[in-house]
Amino acid sequence: MNFTQNIHIGWFILAAIIGISSFVVLLWLLAKVVRWAKRRPAGAYVILAIFPLISLLPIPHSEIKKLQRVKQEQVQQKEQSGEPETEDDKPAV
Protein backbone atom coordinates (compact mmCIF):
# COMPACT_ATOMS: atom_id res chain seq x y z
CA MET A 1 0.00 0.00 0.00
CA ASN A 2 1.33 3.40 -0.98
CA PHE A 3 1.58 6.15 1.65
CA THR A 4 0.06 8.78 -0.64
CA GLN A 5 -3.12 6.77 -1.02
CA ASN A 6 -4.00 7.51 2.60
CA ILE A 7 -3.67 11.28 2.25
CA HIS A 8 -6.85 12.93 1.08
CA ILE A 9 -6.80 16.03 -1.13
CA GLY A 10 -8.69 17.93 1.59
CA TRP A 11 -5.78 17.62 4.01
CA PHE A 12 -3.38 18.84 1.34
CA ILE A 13 -5.56 21.89 0.64
CA LEU A 14 -5.87 22.60 4.36
CA ALA A 15 -2.10 22.42 4.80
CA ALA A 16 -1.58 24.73 1.81
CA ILE A 17 -4.07 27.27 3.18
CA ILE A 18 -2.42 27.19 6.61
CA GLY A 19 1.05 27.56 5.08
CA ILE A 20 0.11 30.44 2.81
CA SER A 21 -1.83 32.28 5.51
CA SER A 22 1.08 31.84 7.95
CA PHE A 23 3.45 33.33 5.38
CA VAL A 24 1.15 36.32 4.79
CA VAL A 25 0.77 36.92 8.53
CA LEU A 26 4.56 36.72 8.97
CA LEU A 27 5.10 39.32 6.23
CA TRP A 28 2.45 41.57 7.79
CA LEU A 29 4.08 41.27 11.24
CA LEU A 30 7.53 42.04 9.84
CA ALA A 31 6.16 45.13 8.10
CA LYS A 32 4.58 46.28 11.40
CA VAL A 33 7.87 45.74 13.25
CA VAL A 34 9.80 47.76 10.66
CA ARG A 35 7.30 50.64 10.86
CA TRP A 36 7.48 50.57 14.66
CA ALA A 37 11.28 50.59 14.61
CA LYS A 38 11.35 53.54 12.21
CA ARG A 39 9.17 55.61 14.53
CA ARG A 40 11.23 54.84 17.64
CA PRO A 41 15.03 54.95 17.54
CA ALA A 42 15.23 52.80 20.66
CA GLY A 43 13.01 50.24 18.93
CA ALA A 44 15.38 50.17 16.00
CA TYR A 45 18.21 49.18 18.33
CA VAL A 46 16.10 46.35 19.71
CA ILE A 47 15.28 45.11 16.22
CA LEU A 48 18.93 45.34 15.16
CA ALA A 49 19.86 43.30 18.22
CA ILE A 50 17.26 40.59 17.54
CA PHE A 51 17.61 40.05 13.78
CA PRO A 52 21.17 38.66 13.90
CA LEU A 53 19.96 36.10 16.42
CA ILE A 54 17.43 34.73 13.94
CA SER A 55 19.83 34.79 11.02
CA LEU A 56 20.34 31.44 9.35
CA LEU A 57 23.76 32.23 7.92
CA PRO A 58 26.64 33.47 10.08
CA ILE A 59 28.59 36.58 9.09
CA PRO A 60 31.78 35.50 7.32
CA HIS A 61 35.03 36.25 9.15
CA SER A 62 36.32 38.22 6.15
CA GLU A 63 33.35 40.62 6.40
CA ILE A 64 34.00 41.19 10.10
CA LYS A 65 37.64 42.00 9.31
CA LYS A 66 36.54 44.48 6.61
CA LEU A 67 34.24 46.25 9.08
CA GLN A 68 37.02 46.48 11.66
CA ARG A 69 39.39 47.90 9.04
CA VAL A 70 36.82 50.51 7.98
CA LYS A 71 36.33 51.55 11.62
CA GLN A 72 40.08 51.89 12.12
CA GLU A 73 40.36 53.99 8.95
CA GLN A 74 37.60 56.30 10.17
CA VAL A 75 39.35 56.76 13.52
CA GLN A 76 42.64 57.48 11.74
CA GLN A 77 40.96 60.04 9.46
CA LYS A 78 39.45 61.82 12.47
CA GLU A 79 42.82 61.87 14.22
CA GLN A 80 44.53 63.28 11.14
CA SER A 81 41.91 65.96 10.60
CA GLY A 82 42.34 67.15 14.19
CA GLU A 83 38.68 66.99 15.17
CA PRO A 84 38.06 66.96 18.94
CA GLU A 85 37.12 63.59 20.36
CA THR A 86 33.45 63.19 21.34
CA GLU A 87 31.80 60.73 23.71
CA ASP A 88 30.84 58.48 20.78
CA ASP A 89 34.44 58.25 19.59
CA LYS A 90 35.84 57.02 22.89
CA PRO A 91 36.30 53.24 23.13
CA ALA A 92 34.09 51.34 25.55
CA VAL A 93 35.88 50.10 28.65
C-alpha atoms as a PDB file:
ATOM      1  CA  MET A   1       0.000   0.000   0.000  1.00  0.00           C
ATOM      2  CA  ASN A   2       1.332   3.396  -0.979  1.00  0.00           C
ATOM      3  CA  PHE A   3       1.576   6.150   1.653  1.00  0.00           C
ATOM      4  CA  THR A   4       0.063   8.780  -0.642  1.00  0.00           C
ATOM      5  CA  GLN A   5      -3.120   6.772  -1.017  1.00  0.00           C
ATOM      6  CA  ASN A   6      -3.995   7.511   2.602  1.00  0.00           C
ATOM      7  CA  ILE A   7      -3.674  11.281   2.246  1.00  0.00           C
ATOM      8  CA  HIS A   8      -6.852  12.934   1.080  1.00  0.00           C
ATOM      9  CA  ILE A   9      -6.804  16.029  -1.129  1.00  0.00           C
ATOM     10  CA  GLY A  10      -8.690  17.929   1.586  1.00  0.00           C
ATOM     11  CA  TRP A  11      -5.782  17.624   4.008  1.00  0.00           C
ATOM     12  CA  PHE A  12      -3.381  18.842   1.343  1.00  0.00           C
ATOM     13  CA  ILE A  13      -5.559  21.887   0.636  1.00  0.00           C
ATOM     14  CA  LEU A  14      -5.873  22.598   4.358  1.00  0.00           C
ATOM     15  CA  ALA A  15      -2.100  22.417   4.803  1.00  0.00           C
ATOM     16  CA  ALA A  16      -1.583  24.726   1.810  1.00  0.00           C
ATOM     17  CA  ILE A  17      -4.070  27.266   3.175  1.00  0.00           C
ATOM     18  CA  ILE A  18      -2.420  27.194   6.610  1.00  0.00           C
ATOM     19  CA  GLY A  19       1.050  27.557   5.083  1.00  0.00           C
ATOM     20  CA  ILE A  20       0.109  30.444   2.806  1.00  0.00           C
ATOM     21  CA  SER A  21      -1.827  32.277   5.513  1.00  0.00           C
ATOM     22  CA  SER A  22       1.084  31.838   7.950  1.00  0.00           C
ATOM     23  CA  PHE A  23       3.451  33.327   5.382  1.00  0.00           C
ATOM     24  CA  VAL A  24       1.146  36.318   4.787  1.00  0.00           C
ATOM     25  CA  VAL A  25       0.766  36.920   8.535  1.00  0.00           C
ATOM     26  CA  LEU A  26       4.557  36.715   8.966  1.00  0.00           C
ATOM     27  CA  LEU A  27       5.102  39.321   6.229  1.00  0.00           C
ATOM     28  CA  TRP A  28       2.451  41.573   7.793  1.00  0.00           C
ATOM     29  CA  LEU A  29       4.078  41.274  11.237  1.00  0.00           C
ATOM     30  CA  LEU A  30       7.526  42.036   9.840  1.00  0.00           C
ATOM     31  CA  ALA A  31       6.158  45.133   8.099  1.00  0.00           C
ATOM     32  CA  LYS A  32       4.584  46.282  11.397  1.00  0.00           C
ATOM     33  CA  VAL A  33       7.872  45.738  13.246  1.00  0.00           C
ATOM     34  CA  VAL A  34       9.799  47.759  10.664  1.00  0.00           C
ATOM     35  CA  ARG A  35       7.295  50.644  10.861  1.00  0.00           C
ATOM     36  CA  TRP A  36       7.478  50.565  14.664  1.00  0.00           C
ATOM     37  CA  ALA A  37      11.278  50.587  14.608  1.00  0.00           C
ATOM     38  CA  LYS A  38      11.352  53.542  12.205  1.00  0.00           C
ATOM     39  CA  ARG A  39       9.167  55.612  14.534  1.00  0.00           C
ATOM     40  CA  ARG A  40      11.229  54.839  17.638  1.00  0.00           C
ATOM     41  CA  PRO A  41      15.026  54.952  17.537  1.00  0.00           C
ATOM     42  CA  ALA A  42      15.228  52.797  20.659  1.00  0.00           C
ATOM     43  CA  GLY A  43      13.007  50.245  18.933  1.00  0.00           C
ATOM     44  CA  ALA A  44      15.376  50.171  16.004  1.00  0.00           C
ATOM     45  CA  TYR A  45      18.210  49.180  18.328  1.00  0.00           C
ATOM     46  CA  VAL A  46      16.097  46.347  19.710  1.00  0.00           C
ATOM     47  CA  ILE A  47      15.281  45.111  16.219  1.00  0.00           C
ATOM     48  CA  LEU A  48      18.927  45.342  15.159  1.00  0.00           C
ATOM     49  CA  ALA A  49      19.856  43.302  18.220  1.00  0.00           C
ATOM     50  CA  ILE A  50      17.256  40.591  17.544  1.00  0.00           C
ATOM     51  CA  PHE A  51      17.606  40.052  13.783  1.00  0.00           C
ATOM     52  CA  PRO A  52      21.167  38.661  13.905  1.00  0.00           C
ATOM     53  CA  LEU A  53      19.955  36.102  16.420  1.00  0.00           C
ATOM     54  CA  ILE A  54      17.429  34.726  13.935  1.00  0.00           C
ATOM     55  CA  SER A  55      19.828  34.791  11.018  1.00  0.00           C
ATOM     56  CA  LEU A  56      20.345  31.440   9.352  1.00  0.00           C
ATOM     57  CA  LEU A  57      23.761  32.233   7.924  1.00  0.00           C
ATOM     58  CA  PRO A  58      26.638  33.474  10.075  1.00  0.00           C
ATOM     59  CA  ILE A  59      28.589  36.578   9.093  1.00  0.00           C
ATOM     60  CA  PRO A  60      31.781  35.498   7.322  1.00  0.00           C
ATOM     61  CA  HIS A  61      35.026  36.249   9.154  1.00  0.00           C
ATOM     62  CA  SER A  62      36.317  38.215   6.154  1.00  0.00           C
ATOM     63  CA  GLU A  63      33.354  40.620   6.400  1.00  0.00           C
ATOM     64  CA  ILE A  64      34.005  41.194  10.100  1.00  0.00           C
ATOM     65  CA  LYS A  65      37.643  42.003   9.305  1.00  0.00           C
ATOM     66  CA  LYS A  66      36.540  44.476   6.607  1.00  0.00           C
ATOM     67  CA  LEU A  67      34.239  46.248   9.078  1.00  0.00           C
ATOM     68  CA  GLN A  68      37.015  46.483  11.664  1.00  0.00           C
ATOM     69  CA  ARG A  69      39.393  47.897   9.042  1.00  0.00           C
ATOM     70  CA  VAL A  70      36.822  50.515   7.983  1.00  0.00           C
ATOM     71  CA  LYS A  71      36.325  51.551  11.620  1.00  0.00           C
ATOM     72  CA  GLN A  72      40.083  51.891  12.120  1.00  0.00           C
ATOM     73  CA  GLU A  73      40.359  53.990   8.954  1.00  0.00           C
ATOM     74  CA  GLN A  74      37.601  56.302  10.171  1.00  0.00           C
ATOM     75  CA  VAL A  75      39.349  56.764  13.517  1.00  0.00           C
ATOM     76  CA  GLN A  76      42.644  57.484  11.743  1.00  0.00           C
ATOM     77  CA  GLN A  77      40.961  60.040   9.458  1.00  0.00           C
ATOM     78  CA  LYS A  78      39.447  61.817  12.471  1.00  0.00           C
ATOM     79  CA  GLU A  79      42.825  61.870  14.225  1.00  0.00           C
ATOM     80  CA  GLN A  80      44.532  63.276  11.142  1.00  0.00           C
ATOM     81  CA  SER A  81      41.905  65.955  10.598  1.00  0.00           C
ATOM     82  CA  GLY A  82      42.343  67.150  14.190  1.00  0.00           C
ATOM     83  CA  GLU A  83      38.685  66.992  15.172  1.00  0.00           C
ATOM     84  CA  PRO A  84      38.064  66.957  18.937  1.00  0.00           C
ATOM     85  CA  GLU A  85      37.117  63.587  20.360  1.00  0.00           C
ATOM     86  CA  THR A  86      33.455  63.188  21.336  1.00  0.00           C
ATOM     87  CA  GLU A  87      31.805  60.733  23.713  1.00  0.00           C
ATOM     88  CA  ASP A  88      30.836  58.483  20.780  1.00  0.00           C
ATOM     89  CA  ASP A  89      34.442  58.245  19.585  1.00  0.00           C
ATOM     90  CA  LYS A  90      35.844  57.019  22.887  1.00  0.00           C
ATOM     91  CA  PRO A  91      36.298  53.236  23.129  1.00  0.00           C
ATOM     92  CA  ALA A  92      34.090  51.341  25.553  1.00  0.00           C
ATOM     93  CA  VAL A  93      35.881  50.102  28.646  1.00  0.00           C
END
